[in-house]
Protein backbone atom coordinates (compact mmCIF):
# COMPACT_ATOMS: atom_id res chain seq x y z
CA MET A 1 0.00 0.00 0.00
CA ASN A 2 1.11 3.54 -0.62
CA ILE A 3 0.02 7.16 -0.44
CA GLN A 4 -0.77 8.38 -3.95
CA LYS A 5 1.62 11.28 -4.48
CA GLY A 6 0.16 14.27 -6.26
CA LYS A 7 -3.43 13.12 -5.68
CA THR A 8 -3.89 15.08 -2.46
CA GLU A 9 -6.67 17.63 -2.86
CA PHE A 10 -7.08 20.91 -0.96
CA LEU A 11 -10.63 21.13 0.36
CA MET A 12 -10.73 24.34 2.40
CA GLY A 13 -8.97 26.61 4.83
CA ILE A 14 -10.83 27.51 8.01
CA ASP A 15 -9.91 30.54 10.08
CA THR A 16 -13.03 31.15 12.19
CA ILE A 17 -14.12 29.26 15.28
CA GLU A 18 -17.72 29.03 14.12
CA GLN A 19 -16.85 27.54 10.74
CA LEU A 20 -14.48 25.01 12.30
CA GLN A 21 -17.08 23.98 14.89
CA THR A 22 -19.67 23.49 12.16
CA TRP A 23 -17.34 21.45 9.93
CA LEU A 24 -16.11 19.18 12.73
CA ASN A 25 -19.63 18.60 14.06
CA GLU A 26 -20.74 17.61 10.56
CA HIS A 27 -17.73 15.26 10.19
CA SER A 28 -17.69 13.59 13.60
CA PHE A 29 -16.15 10.29 12.39
CA ILE A 30 -13.31 11.64 10.26
CA ASN A 31 -10.34 9.35 9.77
CA GLY A 32 -6.99 10.92 9.02
CA ILE A 33 -3.93 12.75 10.29
CA ALA A 34 -2.99 16.20 11.55
CA PHE A 35 0.42 17.88 11.34
CA ILE A 36 1.43 20.43 13.95
CA GLY A 37 4.74 21.87 15.11
CA ARG A 38 6.65 24.91 16.21
CA SER A 39 7.04 27.60 13.59
CA ASN A 40 9.78 26.98 11.01
CA VAL A 41 10.39 23.26 11.69
CA GLY A 42 9.77 22.33 8.05
CA LYS A 43 6.19 21.13 8.49
CA SER A 44 5.02 22.21 5.04
CA SER A 45 8.09 20.74 3.34
CA LEU A 46 7.52 17.45 5.14
CA ILE A 47 3.87 17.36 4.05
CA ASN A 48 4.92 18.01 0.46
CA SER A 49 7.52 15.24 0.58
CA LEU A 50 4.94 12.74 1.78
CA PHE A 51 1.89 13.78 -0.24
CA GLY A 52 3.17 15.57 -3.32
CA LYS A 53 5.25 18.63 -4.14
CA SER A 54 2.59 21.33 -4.14
CA THR A 55 0.32 20.13 -1.33
CA ALA A 56 1.25 22.71 1.31
CA ARG A 57 2.52 26.23 0.72
CA VAL A 58 6.15 26.58 1.81
CA SER A 59 7.38 29.87 3.20
CA LYS A 60 10.63 31.05 4.73
CA THR A 61 8.61 33.27 7.06
CA PRO A 62 7.61 31.47 10.30
CA GLY A 63 3.93 31.34 11.14
CA ARG A 64 2.54 31.35 7.60
CA THR A 65 -0.05 28.63 8.29
CA ARG A 66 -2.85 30.85 9.58
CA GLN A 67 -5.77 28.50 9.10
CA VAL A 68 -6.71 24.91 9.70
CA ASN A 69 -6.11 23.70 6.15
CA ILE A 70 -8.05 20.58 5.21
CA PHE A 71 -7.04 18.18 2.44
CA SER A 72 -8.06 14.72 1.27
CA PHE A 73 -5.42 12.14 0.41
CA ASN A 74 -5.60 8.68 -1.11
CA VAL A 75 -4.15 5.37 0.03
CA GLU A 76 -3.88 2.78 -2.70
CA ASN A 77 -3.93 -0.96 -2.17
CA ARG A 78 -2.27 -2.32 -5.28
CA GLU A 79 -3.13 -5.95 -4.51
CA THR A 80 -6.89 -5.37 -4.27
CA LYS A 81 -6.84 -2.40 -6.68
CA THR A 82 -8.77 -0.29 -4.20
CA VAL A 83 -8.29 3.34 -3.22
CA GLU A 84 -9.61 5.02 -0.10
CA SER A 85 -9.58 8.71 0.82
CA PHE A 86 -8.70 10.15 4.22
CA TYR A 87 -8.35 13.63 5.70
CA LEU A 88 -5.14 15.59 6.17
CA PHE A 89 -5.09 18.63 8.47
CA ASP A 90 -2.33 21.24 8.36
CA VAL A 91 -2.74 23.01 11.70
CA PRO A 92 -1.29 26.46 12.62
CA GLY A 93 2.06 26.21 14.35
CA TYR A 94 2.75 27.07 17.94
CA GLY A 95 5.66 29.00 19.39
CA HIS A 96 7.20 32.30 18.44
CA ALA A 97 5.66 33.37 15.18
CA ASP A 98 5.87 37.01 14.13
CA VAL A 99 2.17 37.77 14.45
CA SER A 100 -0.06 40.09 16.42
CA LYS A 101 -1.41 39.18 19.84
CA GLU A 102 -4.90 39.10 18.38
CA MET A 103 -3.84 36.66 15.67
CA ALA A 104 -2.06 34.43 18.21
CA GLN A 105 -5.17 34.33 20.39
CA ASN A 106 -7.30 33.36 17.40
CA TRP A 107 -4.87 30.55 16.57
CA GLN A 108 -5.10 29.25 20.13
CA LYS A 109 -8.89 29.24 19.94
CA LEU A 110 -8.71 27.38 16.63
CA LEU A 111 -6.42 24.77 18.19
CA ASP A 112 -8.68 24.40 21.22
CA THR A 113 -11.71 23.90 19.00
CA PHE A 114 -9.93 21.48 16.69
CA PHE A 115 -8.58 19.22 19.42
CA GLN A 116 -11.77 19.30 21.47
CA LEU A 117 -14.01 18.31 18.57
CA CYS A 118 -11.84 16.20 16.26
CA SER A 119 -12.38 12.47 16.04
CA GLU A 120 -10.27 9.98 17.96
CA LYS A 121 -9.49 8.57 14.52
CA ILE A 122 -7.09 11.45 13.96
CA LEU A 123 -3.37 10.70 14.22
CA LEU A 124 -1.38 13.67 15.51
CA LEU A 125 2.08 14.11 14.02
CA ASN A 126 4.10 16.59 16.07
CA ILE A 127 7.02 17.97 14.04
CA GLN A 128 10.11 19.15 15.90
CA ASP A 129 13.51 20.39 14.76
CA ALA A 130 16.08 17.63 15.28
CA ARG A 131 18.72 20.29 15.97
CA HIS A 132 16.65 21.89 18.73
CA PRO A 133 14.40 19.18 20.20
CA LEU A 134 12.04 19.60 23.13
CA GLN A 135 12.06 23.39 23.18
CA ASP A 136 9.95 25.14 25.83
CA SER A 137 7.11 25.63 23.36
CA ASP A 138 7.23 21.88 22.49
CA LEU A 139 7.01 20.98 26.18
CA VAL A 140 4.10 23.37 26.71
CA PHE A 141 2.33 21.86 23.70
CA HIS A 142 2.78 18.30 24.97
CA ASP A 143 1.48 19.26 28.38
CA TYR A 144 -1.53 20.74 26.59
CA ILE A 145 -2.20 17.89 24.15
CA LYS A 146 -1.94 14.94 26.54
CA SER A 147 -5.47 15.46 27.88
CA PHE A 148 -7.08 15.01 24.45
CA ASP A 149 -6.22 11.30 24.17
CA LEU A 150 -5.12 11.41 20.53
CA GLU A 151 -2.56 8.94 19.21
CA THR A 152 0.59 11.01 18.87
CA TYR A 153 3.86 10.44 17.02
CA VAL A 154 6.86 12.78 17.10
CA LEU A 155 8.87 13.47 13.94
CA PHE A 156 12.29 14.99 14.54
CA ASN A 157 12.79 16.72 11.20
CA LYS A 158 15.95 18.13 9.58
CA VAL A 159 18.19 15.28 10.77
CA ASP A 160 20.33 15.98 7.72
CA LYS A 161 21.28 19.28 9.36
CA LEU A 162 22.89 17.52 12.33
CA LYS A 163 26.58 17.99 11.60
CA THR A 164 28.08 14.81 13.07
CA GLN A 165 27.18 11.20 13.71
CA SER A 166 27.69 11.97 17.40
CA ASP A 167 24.93 14.59 17.25
CA ARG A 168 22.57 12.08 15.64
CA SER A 169 23.43 9.44 18.23
CA LYS A 170 22.80 11.85 21.11
CA LEU A 171 19.29 12.53 19.82
CA ARG A 172 18.50 8.85 19.25
CA ASN A 173 19.83 8.00 22.71
CA ARG A 174 17.23 10.31 24.20
CA MET A 175 14.37 8.15 22.94
CA PRO A 176 13.91 6.17 26.21
CA GLU A 177 13.86 9.45 28.14
CA ILE A 178 11.27 10.92 25.76
CA TYR A 179 9.04 7.86 25.90
CA GLN A 180 9.27 7.85 29.69
CA LYS A 181 8.47 11.55 30.03
CA PHE A 182 5.76 11.66 27.38
CA LYS A 183 3.96 8.37 27.83
CA TRP A 184 1.25 9.21 25.27
CA ILE A 185 3.81 9.28 22.42
CA LYS A 186 3.49 6.01 20.52
CA GLN A 187 6.25 6.41 17.92
CA ILE A 188 9.30 8.59 17.24
CA HIS A 189 10.72 9.09 13.76
CA PHE A 190 13.81 10.90 12.46
CA THR A 191 13.18 12.59 9.14
CA SER A 192 14.51 14.94 6.51
CA ALA A 193 12.04 16.51 4.12
CA GLU A 194 14.96 17.63 1.97
CA LYS A 195 16.90 14.34 1.77
CA GLY A 196 14.01 11.90 2.26
CA ASP A 197 15.45 10.30 5.40
CA GLY A 198 12.87 8.37 7.40
CA LEU A 199 9.95 9.19 5.09
CA PRO A 200 9.14 5.58 4.05
CA ALA A 201 8.73 4.64 7.74
CA VAL A 202 6.47 7.66 8.34
CA GLU A 203 4.37 6.82 5.29
CA LEU A 204 3.97 3.25 6.55
CA ALA A 205 3.00 4.52 10.02
CA ILE A 206 0.33 6.78 8.50
CA ILE A 207 -1.06 3.97 6.34
CA ASN A 208 -1.15 1.54 9.27
CA PHE A 209 -3.04 4.06 11.41
CA VAL A 210 -5.73 4.96 8.87
CA LYS A 211 -6.01 1.32 7.79
CA ARG A 212 -6.64 0.28 11.39
CA ASN A 213 -9.54 2.74 11.60
CA SER A 214 -10.89 2.05 8.14
CA ASP A 215 -14.22 0.37 7.43
CA MET A 216 -13.14 -0.56 3.94
CA LYS A 217 -12.66 -4.33 3.78
CA GLY A 218 -9.85 -4.09 1.27
CA PHE A 219 -7.77 -2.25 3.88
CA LEU A 220 -8.39 -4.51 6.88
């Protein structure tokens, strides 16, 4: 099975609490994944590497994702020749984005609404910078998200930017500590959107999650 690259479709961007509440209430059994991370961790580039080059808009300016962007993506089962669609959510980043206080408050309300109303069939992929893991804003986010009981994986992105093998080993050696401290984290991956490191394992993890929650017999 594989994610069909280039077949991901943008459905809508939601930037008001009322619209997000309405959409989530009308789609109470959605099955899919959500990407979230601190500003400028390469979230959009990672999405594009997994789902197709032009899926998410990439910007060098932190904090450019200002809406809950909703996409559909396809998983293909080549053996049974079946295709099933799932939802992909690109959620506004947290941390120090160069935005107004009013905009930051609106983002927080959007996040609160999204996590309170989204289905338990949503896999949360938390993107962090491998060079600067577990920043204060990451720790605050994990303290916040643990009460929502969503399956959560952490992707340490930009591993290609770690200068030495020793730096990579230090990060990998912290895995037991991370699992112990954040018991709700089910998987940890080390990725590079630019070089492709770790992306096949992430794609497989996504497919396994949505397949597990799928009602389509060809995917069970």
